[in-house]
Amino acid sequence: MTDHAFARGFAPGHDHAASARVESEVMGHLAGELGIMLPSVYAALNRTAVLFQELQRDTHLNAEELLTLTTIATANLQRSQRTAGTKGATLSTVNLVPASQSAVARATCTPRQTMRRRLEKLSAMGAVCATEQGLILNFENEAVLKLLRGLTAPTSAPATPPAALDAA
């Protein structure tokens, strides 16, 4: 597929047949060359959108705060997952690795001062603990527990997109 064909197919003023050809070409590229099955992609994206809406509702956090907490949780837990004996471990038994504020800012593509203010808010609500070594999630905080439960719970995501996406 060429960039020219893609642009030509979606440019205003072109007929539906051209768009259909380009769409077919894109779908063929995704399914054939990349091995991506579109129903699987849709299901994963839909689950993510539903989960995100549920987490925002349950935790009363905005998108950036959820991303920050998820990034800190990933940093805290990732090294412990690489060490022997942590398979099946619970949060109370793993050795959490603190994350630096600058690493979280880089990972989320957030300016350092913006991240500092966001972390101050999350710290004030008790979701994040700042130690000399770095940031650790407070795994006893209700918003953090809701986030982790939401990320690990099986979902029964509906077959249709969330209402917020229908308007887009």
C-alpha atoms as a PDB file:
ATOM      1  CA  MET A   1       0.000   0.000   0.000  1.00  0.00           C
ATOM      2  CA  THR A   2       1.376   3.403  -0.896  1.00  0.00           C
ATOM      3  CA  ASP A   3       0.868   6.606   1.059  1.00  0.00           C
ATOM      4  CA  HIS A   4      -0.558   8.110  -2.132  1.00  0.00           C
ATOM      5  CA  ALA A   5      -3.244   5.420  -2.389  1.00  0.00           C
ATOM      6  CA  PHE A   6      -4.193   5.892   1.237  1.00  0.00           C
ATOM      7  CA  ALA A   7      -4.470   9.680   0.894  1.00  0.00           C
ATOM      8  CA  ARG A   8      -6.361   9.428  -2.397  1.00  0.00           C
ATOM      9  CA  GLY A   9      -8.948   7.074  -0.902  1.00  0.00           C
ATOM     10  CA  PHE A  10      -9.826   9.259   2.062  1.00  0.00           C
ATOM     11  CA  ALA A  11      -9.564  12.714   0.502  1.00  0.00           C
ATOM     12  CA  PRO A  12     -12.852  14.674   0.313  1.00  0.00           C
ATOM     13  CA  GLY A  13     -14.572  14.577  -3.045  1.00  0.00           C
ATOM     14  CA  HIS A  14     -13.562  11.047  -4.043  1.00  0.00           C
ATOM     15  CA  ASP A  15     -16.143   8.407  -4.707  1.00  0.00           C
ATOM     16  CA  HIS A  16     -17.009   5.573  -2.373  1.00  0.00           C
ATOM     17  CA  ALA A  17     -15.524   2.973  -4.690  1.00  0.00           C
ATOM     18  CA  ALA A  18     -12.060   4.493  -4.290  1.00  0.00           C
ATOM     19  CA  SER A  19     -12.513   4.585  -0.517  1.00  0.00           C
ATOM     20  CA  ALA A  20     -13.680   0.979  -0.511  1.00  0.00           C
ATOM     21  CA  ARG A  21     -10.619  -0.093  -2.510  1.00  0.00           C
ATOM     22  CA  VAL A  22      -8.291   1.662  -0.084  1.00  0.00           C
ATOM     23  CA  GLU A  23     -10.159   0.255   2.912  1.00  0.00           C
ATOM     24  CA  SER A  24      -9.850  -3.207   1.420  1.00  0.00           C
ATOM     25  CA  GLU A  25      -6.139  -2.616   0.839  1.00  0.00           C
ATOM     26  CA  VAL A  26      -5.648  -1.436   4.441  1.00  0.00           C
ATOM     27  CA  MET A  27      -7.613  -4.384   5.843  1.00  0.00           C
ATOM     28  CA  GLY A  28      -5.652  -6.795   3.674  1.00  0.00           C
ATOM     29  CA  HIS A  29      -2.414  -5.267   4.908  1.00  0.00           C
ATOM     30  CA  LEU A  30      -3.480  -5.559   8.555  1.00  0.00           C
ATOM     31  CA  ALA A  31      -4.826  -9.075   8.252  1.00  0.00           C
ATOM     32  CA  GLY A  32      -2.326 -10.544   5.802  1.00  0.00           C
ATOM     33  CA  GLU A  33       1.028  -8.896   6.203  1.00  0.00           C
ATOM     34  CA  LEU A  34       0.779  -8.078   9.882  1.00  0.00           C
ATOM     35  CA  GLY A  35      -1.278 -11.077  10.927  1.00  0.00           C
ATOM     36  CA  ILE A  36      -3.804  -8.917  12.776  1.00  0.00           C
ATOM     37  CA  MET A  37      -7.309 -10.274  12.976  1.00  0.00           C
ATOM     38  CA  LEU A  38      -9.667  -7.300  13.048  1.00  0.00           C
ATOM     39  CA  PRO A  39     -12.318  -8.862  15.327  1.00  0.00           C
ATOM     40  CA  SER A  40      -9.561  -9.477  17.896  1.00  0.00           C
ATOM     41  CA  VAL A  41      -8.314  -5.912  17.554  1.00  0.00           C
ATOM     42  CA  TYR A  42     -11.845  -4.553  17.930  1.00  0.00           C
ATOM     43  CA  ALA A  43     -12.469  -6.713  21.014  1.00  0.00           C
ATOM     44  CA  ALA A  44      -9.231  -5.550  22.653  1.00  0.00           C
ATOM     45  CA  LEU A  45      -9.883  -1.882  21.859  1.00  0.00           C
ATOM     46  CA  ASN A  46     -13.482  -2.135  23.030  1.00  0.00           C
ATOM     47  CA  ARG A  47     -12.414  -3.804  26.286  1.00  0.00           C
ATOM     48  CA  THR A  48      -9.871  -1.042  26.842  1.00  0.00           C
ATOM     49  CA  ALA A  49     -12.433   1.711  26.231  1.00  0.00           C
ATOM     50  CA  VAL A  50     -14.993   0.113  28.558  1.00  0.00           C
ATOM     51  CA  LEU A  51     -12.369  -0.520  31.240  1.00  0.00           C
ATOM     52  CA  PHE A  52     -11.130   3.059  30.985  1.00  0.00           C
ATOM     53  CA  GLN A  53     -14.661   4.453  31.470  1.00  0.00           C
ATOM     54  CA  GLU A  54     -15.279   2.149  34.425  1.00  0.00           C
ATOM     55  CA  LEU A  55     -11.970   3.110  36.038  1.00  0.00           C
ATOM     56  CA  GLN A  56     -12.664   6.819  35.633  1.00  0.00           C
ATOM     57  CA  ARG A  57     -16.111   6.351  37.180  1.00  0.00           C
ATOM     58  CA  ASP A  58     -14.897   4.157  40.050  1.00  0.00           C
ATOM     59  CA  THR A  59     -11.711   6.044  40.959  1.00  0.00           C
ATOM     60  CA  HIS A  60     -12.810   9.621  40.159  1.00  0.00           C
ATOM     61  CA  LEU A  61      -9.439  10.158  38.463  1.00  0.00           C
ATOM     62  CA  ASN A  62      -8.901  11.753  35.065  1.00  0.00           C
ATOM     63  CA  ALA A  63      -7.091  10.086  32.168  1.00  0.00           C
ATOM     64  CA  GLU A  64      -3.692  11.575  32.986  1.00  0.00           C
ATOM     65  CA  GLU A  65      -3.917  10.534  36.638  1.00  0.00           C
ATOM     66  CA  LEU A  66      -4.899   6.979  35.672  1.00  0.00           C
ATOM     67  CA  LEU A  67      -1.996   6.828  33.223  1.00  0.00           C
ATOM     68  CA  THR A  68       0.384   8.094  35.910  1.00  0.00           C
ATOM     69  CA  LEU A  69      -0.787   5.528  38.474  1.00  0.00           C
ATOM     70  CA  THR A  70      -0.622   2.718  35.912  1.00  0.00           C
ATOM     71  CA  THR A  71       2.908   3.767  34.923  1.00  0.00           C
ATOM     72  CA  ILE A  72       4.066   3.863  38.561  1.00  0.00           C
ATOM     73  CA  ALA A  73       2.468   0.456  39.221  1.00  0.00           C
ATOM     74  CA  THR A  74       4.226  -0.984  36.176  1.00  0.00           C
ATOM     75  CA  ALA A  75       7.559   0.432  37.313  1.00  0.00           C
ATOM     76  CA  ASN A  76       7.027  -0.801  40.892  1.00  0.00           C
ATOM     77  CA  LEU A  77       6.198  -4.338  39.779  1.00  0.00           C
ATOM     78  CA  GLN A  78       8.195  -4.935  36.593  1.00  0.00           C
ATOM     79  CA  ARG A  79      11.552  -5.814  38.127  1.00  0.00           C
ATOM     80  CA  SER A  80       9.945  -8.084  40.699  1.00  0.00           C
ATOM     81  CA  GLN A  81       8.316 -10.029  37.859  1.00  0.00           C
ATOM     82  CA  ARG A  82      11.764 -10.791  36.433  1.00  0.00           C
ATOM     83  CA  THR A  83      13.131 -12.306  39.627  1.00  0.00           C
ATOM     84  CA  ALA A  84      12.674 -15.952  40.478  1.00  0.00           C
ATOM     85  CA  GLY A  85       9.904 -16.951  42.825  1.00  0.00           C
ATOM     86  CA  THR A  86       7.476 -14.082  42.195  1.00  0.00           C
ATOM     87  CA  LYS A  87       5.057 -15.985  39.985  1.00  0.00           C
ATOM     88  CA  GLY A  88       1.793 -16.059  41.883  1.00  0.00           C
ATOM     89  CA  ALA A  89       3.084 -13.629  44.497  1.00  0.00           C
ATOM     90  CA  THR A  90       0.716 -11.122  46.014  1.00  0.00           C
ATOM     91  CA  LEU A  91       1.399  -7.424  46.455  1.00  0.00           C
ATOM     92  CA  SER A  92       2.179  -7.993  50.108  1.00  0.00           C
ATOM     93  CA  THR A  93       5.029 -10.388  49.288  1.00  0.00           C
ATOM     94  CA  VAL A  94       6.811  -8.755  46.380  1.00  0.00           C
ATOM     95  CA  ASN A  95       9.711  -6.354  46.650  1.00  0.00           C
ATOM     96  CA  LEU A  96       8.455  -3.153  45.019  1.00  0.00           C
ATOM     97  CA  VAL A  97      10.907  -1.085  43.023  1.00  0.00           C
ATOM     98  CA  PRO A  98      10.434   2.690  43.368  1.00  0.00           C
ATOM     99  CA  ALA A  99      10.051   4.779  40.214  1.00  0.00           C
ATOM    100  CA  SER A 100      11.699   8.158  39.828  1.00  0.00           C
ATOM    101  CA  GLN A 101       9.537  11.161  39.059  1.00  0.00           C
ATOM    102  CA  SER A 102      11.592  11.904  35.956  1.00  0.00           C
ATOM    103  CA  ALA A 103      11.202   8.315  34.674  1.00  0.00           C
ATOM    104  CA  VAL A 104       7.412   8.501  35.084  1.00  0.00           C
ATOM    105  CA  ALA A 105       7.379  11.877  33.307  1.00  0.00           C
ATOM    106  CA  ARG A 106       9.428  10.455  30.408  1.00  0.00           C
ATOM    107  CA  ALA A 107       7.330   7.290  30.153  1.00  0.00           C
ATOM    108  CA  THR A 108       4.099   9.300  29.950  1.00  0.00           C
ATOM    109  CA  CYS A 109       5.544  12.077  27.739  1.00  0.00           C
ATOM    110  CA  THR A 110       4.602  14.620  30.394  1.00  0.00           C
ATOM    111  CA  PRO A 111       6.604  17.770  31.190  1.00  0.00           C
ATOM    112  CA  ARG A 112       8.413  17.455  34.534  1.00  0.00           C
ATOM    113  CA  GLN A 113       6.608  20.368  36.199  1.00  0.00           C
ATOM    114  CA  THR A 114       3.222  19.027  35.107  1.00  0.00           C
ATOM    115  CA  MET A 115       4.165  15.630  36.494  1.00  0.00           C
ATOM    116  CA  ARG A 116       5.330  17.225  39.742  1.00  0.00           C
ATOM    117  CA  ARG A 117       1.917  18.909  40.196  1.00  0.00           C
ATOM    118  CA  ARG A 118       0.056  15.712  39.263  1.00  0.00           C
ATOM    119  CA  LEU A 119       2.109  13.689  41.736  1.00  0.00           C
ATOM    120  CA  GLU A 120       1.474  16.269  44.467  1.00  0.00           C
ATOM    121  CA  LYS A 121      -2.266  15.782  43.926  1.00  0.00           C
ATOM    122  CA  LEU A 122      -1.991  11.971  43.864  1.00  0.00           C
ATOM    123  CA  SER A 123       0.204  12.083  46.971  1.00  0.00           C
ATOM    124  CA  ALA A 124      -2.273  14.361  48.782  1.00  0.00           C
ATOM    125  CA  MET A 125      -5.064  11.876  48.100  1.00  0.00           C
ATOM    126  CA  GLY A 126      -2.863   9.058  49.412  1.00  0.00           C
ATOM    127  CA  ALA A 127      -2.448   7.153  46.142  1.00  0.00           C
ATOM    128  CA  VAL A 128       1.311   7.691  45.785  1.00  0.00           C
ATOM    129  CA  CYS A 129       4.047   7.564  48.427  1.00  0.00           C
ATOM    130  CA  ALA A 130       7.268   9.445  47.780  1.00  0.00           C
ATOM    131  CA  THR A 131      10.306   7.789  49.344  1.00  0.00           C
ATOM    132  CA  GLU A 132      13.998   8.664  49.160  1.00  0.00           C
ATOM    133  CA  GLN A 133      14.345   5.990  46.482  1.00  0.00           C
ATOM    134  CA  GLY A 134      11.363   7.149  44.404  1.00  0.00           C
ATOM    135  CA  LEU A 135       7.613   6.763  43.988  1.00  0.00           C
ATOM    136  CA  ILE A 136       5.609   3.786  45.170  1.00  0.00           C
ATOM    137  CA  LEU A 137       1.872   3.309  44.894  1.00  0.00           C
ATOM    138  CA  ASN A 138      -0.004   3.058  48.151  1.00  0.00           C
ATOM    139  CA  PHE A 139      -1.559  -0.350  47.603  1.00  0.00           C
ATOM    140  CA  GLU A 140      -3.939   0.285  50.510  1.00  0.00           C
ATOM    141  CA  ASN A 141      -5.463   3.388  48.860  1.00  0.00           C
ATOM    142  CA  GLU A 142      -9.029   2.805  47.631  1.00  0.00           C
ATOM    143  CA  ALA A 143      -8.447   4.433  44.198  1.00  0.00           C
ATOM    144  CA  VAL A 144      -5.311   2.333  43.657  1.00  0.00           C
ATOM    145  CA  LEU A 145      -7.127  -0.848  44.698  1.00  0.00           C
ATOM    146  CA  LYS A 146      -9.988  -0.041  42.308  1.00  0.00           C
ATOM    147  CA  LEU A 147      -7.474   0.567  39.515  1.00  0.00           C
ATOM    148  CA  LEU A 148      -5.686  -2.740  40.130  1.00  0.00           C
ATOM    149  CA  ARG A 149      -8.935  -4.676  40.502  1.00  0.00           C
ATOM    150  CA  GLY A 150     -10.199  -3.124  37.273  1.00  0.00           C
ATOM    151  CA  LEU A 151      -7.038  -4.018  35.396  1.00  0.00           C
ATOM    152  CA  THR A 152      -7.001  -7.616  36.583  1.00  0.00           C
ATOM    153  CA  ALA A 153     -10.717  -8.462  36.699  1.00  0.00           C
ATOM    154  CA  PRO A 154     -12.259 -10.430  33.865  1.00  0.00           C
ATOM    155  CA  THR A 155     -14.519  -8.228  31.824  1.00  0.00           C
ATOM    156  CA  SER A 156     -17.767  -8.761  30.068  1.00  0.00           C
ATOM    157  CA  ALA A 157     -17.316  -5.828  27.718  1.00  0.00           C
ATOM    158  CA  PRO A 158     -20.377  -5.219  25.574  1.00  0.00           C
ATOM    159  CA  ALA A 159     -20.291  -5.968  21.870  1.00  0.00           C
ATOM    160  CA  THR A 160     -20.989  -2.314  21.138  1.00  0.00           C
ATOM    161  CA  PRO A 161     -18.672   0.597  21.849  1.00  0.00           C
ATOM    162  CA  PRO A 162     -19.251   2.806  24.904  1.00  0.00           C
ATOM    163  CA  ALA A 163     -21.772   5.616  24.380  1.00  0.00           C
ATOM    164  CA  ALA A 164     -19.025   8.247  24.434  1.00  0.00           C
ATOM    165  CA  LEU A 165     -17.503   6.710  21.316  1.00  0.00           C
ATOM    166  CA  ASP A 166     -20.797   6.601  19.441  1.00  0.00           C
ATOM    167  CA  ALA A 167     -20.916  10.402  19.262  1.00  0.00           C
ATOM    168  CA  ALA A 168     -17.400  10.673  17.828  1.00  0.00           C
END
